[in-house]
């Protein structure tokens, strides 16, 4: 029994000393810093559908693809965003579509 008391006392003392020493340590606030060159640049994108409808999408990344999905989730077409500087033209048949570029998505009805 005395043996267990000594072991518990040592563990308790070691735990208290570790917690006191860690209270004085300074930890970084941002452990995953983003380099200035790695930040995604965004743009406004005007999407013209069949020459009649115009949709404006905000915060669209400058790299990647603008993907067009049918309402069933089937990808209809995709356009490289590097070729779409400020505007993009799509020719789509009638139906319901979802436009997705990066994290931005927009629902569209083509009549």
C-alpha atoms as a PDB file:
ATOM      1  CA  UNK A   1       0.000   0.000   0.000  1.00  0.00           C
ATOM      2  CA  UNK A   2       2.858   2.354   0.806  1.00  0.00           C
ATOM      3  CA  UNK A   3       4.358   1.519  -2.571  1.00  0.00           C
ATOM      4  CA  UNK A   4       1.176   2.626  -4.370  1.00  0.00           C
ATOM      5  CA  UNK A   5       1.054   5.877  -2.383  1.00  0.00           C
ATOM      6  CA  UNK A   6       4.576   6.735  -3.461  1.00  0.00           C
ATOM      7  CA  UNK A   7       3.776   5.991  -7.108  1.00  0.00           C
ATOM      8  CA  UNK A   8       0.576   8.069  -6.993  1.00  0.00           C
ATOM      9  CA  UNK A   9       2.403  10.927  -5.250  1.00  0.00           C
ATOM     10  CA  UNK A  10       5.137  10.895  -7.915  1.00  0.00           C
ATOM     11  CA  UNK A  11       2.574  10.852 -10.725  1.00  0.00           C
ATOM     12  CA  UNK A  12       0.578  13.654  -9.115  1.00  0.00           C
ATOM     13  CA  UNK A  13       3.667  15.765  -8.555  1.00  0.00           C
ATOM     14  CA  UNK A  14       4.907  15.151 -12.119  1.00  0.00           C
ATOM     15  CA  UNK A  15       1.490  16.081 -13.546  1.00  0.00           C
ATOM     16  CA  UNK A  16       1.332  19.313 -11.566  1.00  0.00           C
ATOM     17  CA  UNK A  17       4.850  20.306 -12.549  1.00  0.00           C
ATOM     18  CA  UNK A  18       4.076  19.651 -16.234  1.00  0.00           C
ATOM     19  CA  UNK A  19       0.896  21.703 -16.136  1.00  0.00           C
ATOM     20  CA  UNK A  20       2.682  24.622 -14.455  1.00  0.00           C
ATOM     21  CA  UNK A  21       5.491  24.618 -16.997  1.00  0.00           C
ATOM     22  CA  UNK A  22       3.058  24.411 -19.923  1.00  0.00           C
ATOM     23  CA  UNK A  23       1.088  27.400 -18.635  1.00  0.00           C
ATOM     24  CA  UNK A  24       4.129  29.619 -19.233  1.00  0.00           C
ATOM     25  CA  UNK A  25       4.784  28.325 -22.747  1.00  0.00           C
ATOM     26  CA  UNK A  26       3.672  30.382 -25.724  1.00  0.00           C
ATOM     27  CA  UNK A  27       1.847  28.430 -28.396  1.00  0.00           C
ATOM     28  CA  UNK A  28       1.477  29.684 -31.961  1.00  0.00           C
ATOM     29  CA  UNK A  29      -1.975  31.029 -32.742  1.00  0.00           C
ATOM     30  CA  UNK A  30      -1.906  29.806 -36.341  1.00  0.00           C
ATOM     31  CA  UNK A  31      -0.291  26.398 -36.688  1.00  0.00           C
ATOM     32  CA  UNK A  32      -1.027  26.169 -40.439  1.00  0.00           C
ATOM     33  CA  UNK A  33       0.018  29.502 -41.910  1.00  0.00           C
ATOM     34  CA  UNK A  34      -0.903  30.173 -45.528  1.00  0.00           C
ATOM     35  CA  UNK A  35       1.838  31.546 -47.693  1.00  0.00           C
ATOM     36  CA  UNK A  36       0.914  34.729 -49.500  1.00  0.00           C
ATOM     37  CA  UNK A  37       1.311  33.050 -52.903  1.00  0.00           C
ATOM     38  CA  UNK A  38      -1.070  30.194 -52.052  1.00  0.00           C
ATOM     39  CA  UNK A  39      -4.185  32.264 -51.386  1.00  0.00           C
ATOM     40  CA  UNK A  40      -6.946  31.701 -53.909  1.00  0.00           C
ATOM     41  CA  UNK A  41      -7.787  34.732 -55.987  1.00  0.00           C
ATOM     42  CA  UNK A  42     -11.442  35.207 -56.808  1.00  0.00           C
ATOM     43  CA  UNK A  43     -13.358  37.079 -59.495  1.00  0.00           C
ATOM     44  CA  UNK A  44     -16.840  37.965 -60.667  1.00  0.00           C
ATOM     45  CA  UNK A  45     -17.994  35.778 -63.509  1.00  0.00           C
ATOM     46  CA  UNK A  46     -20.825  36.652 -65.909  1.00  0.00           C
ATOM     47  CA  UNK A  47     -22.280  33.520 -67.466  1.00  0.00           C
ATOM     48  CA  UNK A  48     -24.344  34.021 -70.636  1.00  0.00           C
ATOM     49  CA  UNK A  49     -26.704  31.127 -71.337  1.00  0.00           C
ATOM     50  CA  UNK A  50     -27.977  30.839 -74.931  1.00  0.00           C
ATOM     51  CA  UNK A  51     -27.288  34.544 -75.451  1.00  0.00           C
ATOM     52  CA  UNK A  52     -30.397  35.599 -73.489  1.00  0.00           C
ATOM     53  CA  UNK A  53     -29.857  34.871 -69.796  1.00  0.00           C
ATOM     54  CA  UNK A  54     -27.031  36.437 -67.813  1.00  0.00           C
ATOM     55  CA  UNK A  55     -26.004  35.096 -64.410  1.00  0.00           C
ATOM     56  CA  UNK A  56     -23.399  36.743 -62.201  1.00  0.00           C
ATOM     57  CA  UNK A  57     -21.399  34.477 -59.909  1.00  0.00           C
ATOM     58  CA  UNK A  58     -19.284  36.028 -57.126  1.00  0.00           C
ATOM     59  CA  UNK A  59     -16.116  34.721 -55.450  1.00  0.00           C
ATOM     60  CA  UNK A  60     -15.329  32.330 -58.296  1.00  0.00           C
ATOM     61  CA  UNK A  61     -11.709  31.115 -58.255  1.00  0.00           C
ATOM     62  CA  UNK A  62      -9.502  32.145 -61.152  1.00  0.00           C
ATOM     63  CA  UNK A  63      -8.230  28.592 -61.657  1.00  0.00           C
ATOM     64  CA  UNK A  64     -10.161  25.370 -62.061  1.00  0.00           C
ATOM     65  CA  UNK A  65     -13.310  24.629 -64.017  1.00  0.00           C
ATOM     66  CA  UNK A  66     -16.876  25.894 -64.291  1.00  0.00           C
ATOM     67  CA  UNK A  67     -18.873  22.675 -64.273  1.00  0.00           C
ATOM     68  CA  UNK A  68     -22.482  22.380 -65.404  1.00  0.00           C
ATOM     69  CA  UNK A  69     -24.542  19.550 -63.908  1.00  0.00           C
ATOM     70  CA  UNK A  70     -28.071  18.464 -64.790  1.00  0.00           C
ATOM     71  CA  UNK A  71     -30.617  18.237 -61.986  1.00  0.00           C
ATOM     72  CA  UNK A  72     -29.931  14.476 -61.884  1.00  0.00           C
ATOM     73  CA  UNK A  73     -26.272  15.117 -61.055  1.00  0.00           C
ATOM     74  CA  UNK A  74     -24.834  14.221 -64.463  1.00  0.00           C
ATOM     75  CA  UNK A  75     -22.076  16.570 -65.632  1.00  0.00           C
ATOM     76  CA  UNK A  76     -23.181  18.183 -68.889  1.00  0.00           C
ATOM     77  CA  UNK A  77     -20.114  20.298 -69.683  1.00  0.00           C
ATOM     78  CA  UNK A  78     -17.148  22.012 -68.097  1.00  0.00           C
ATOM     79  CA  UNK A  79     -15.236  25.150 -69.054  1.00  0.00           C
ATOM     80  CA  UNK A  80     -11.719  26.099 -67.954  1.00  0.00           C
ATOM     81  CA  UNK A  81     -11.877  29.269 -65.825  1.00  0.00           C
ATOM     82  CA  UNK A  82      -8.545  30.512 -67.171  1.00  0.00           C
ATOM     83  CA  UNK A  83     -10.228  31.020 -70.560  1.00  0.00           C
ATOM     84  CA  UNK A  84     -13.205  32.832 -68.977  1.00  0.00           C
ATOM     85  CA  UNK A  85     -11.893  36.265 -68.103  1.00  0.00           C
ATOM     86  CA  UNK A  86     -14.924  38.096 -66.713  1.00  0.00           C
ATOM     87  CA  UNK A  87     -17.427  36.276 -68.892  1.00  0.00           C
ATOM     88  CA  UNK A  88     -18.349  32.890 -70.255  1.00  0.00           C
ATOM     89  CA  UNK A  89     -20.853  31.688 -72.849  1.00  0.00           C
ATOM     90  CA  UNK A  90     -22.813  28.421 -72.484  1.00  0.00           C
ATOM     91  CA  UNK A  91     -25.203  26.824 -74.959  1.00  0.00           C
ATOM     92  CA  UNK A  92     -27.635  24.621 -73.001  1.00  0.00           C
ATOM     93  CA  UNK A  93     -30.962  22.985 -73.903  1.00  0.00           C
ATOM     94  CA  UNK A  94     -34.076  23.575 -71.803  1.00  0.00           C
ATOM     95  CA  UNK A  95     -33.937  22.183 -68.294  1.00  0.00           C
ATOM     96  CA  UNK A  96     -32.682  22.628 -64.729  1.00  0.00           C
ATOM     97  CA  UNK A  97     -28.946  22.954 -64.155  1.00  0.00           C
ATOM     98  CA  UNK A  98     -26.437  23.563 -61.386  1.00  0.00           C
ATOM     99  CA  UNK A  99     -23.379  25.692 -62.182  1.00  0.00           C
ATOM    100  CA  UNK A 100     -20.415  25.006 -59.914  1.00  0.00           C
ATOM    101  CA  UNK A 101     -17.041  26.751 -59.804  1.00  0.00           C
ATOM    102  CA  UNK A 102     -14.869  25.979 -56.800  1.00  0.00           C
ATOM    103  CA  UNK A 103     -17.057  26.319 -53.702  1.00  0.00           C
ATOM    104  CA  UNK A 104     -19.622  28.531 -55.464  1.00  0.00           C
ATOM    105  CA  UNK A 105     -22.768  26.914 -56.861  1.00  0.00           C
ATOM    106  CA  UNK A 106     -25.785  28.431 -58.627  1.00  0.00           C
ATOM    107  CA  UNK A 107     -29.078  26.847 -59.692  1.00  0.00           C
ATOM    108  CA  UNK A 108     -30.322  27.780 -63.157  1.00  0.00           C
ATOM    109  CA  UNK A 109     -33.546  27.208 -65.098  1.00  0.00           C
ATOM    110  CA  UNK A 110     -33.162  27.368 -68.879  1.00  0.00           C
ATOM    111  CA  UNK A 111     -36.450  27.978 -70.743  1.00  0.00           C
END
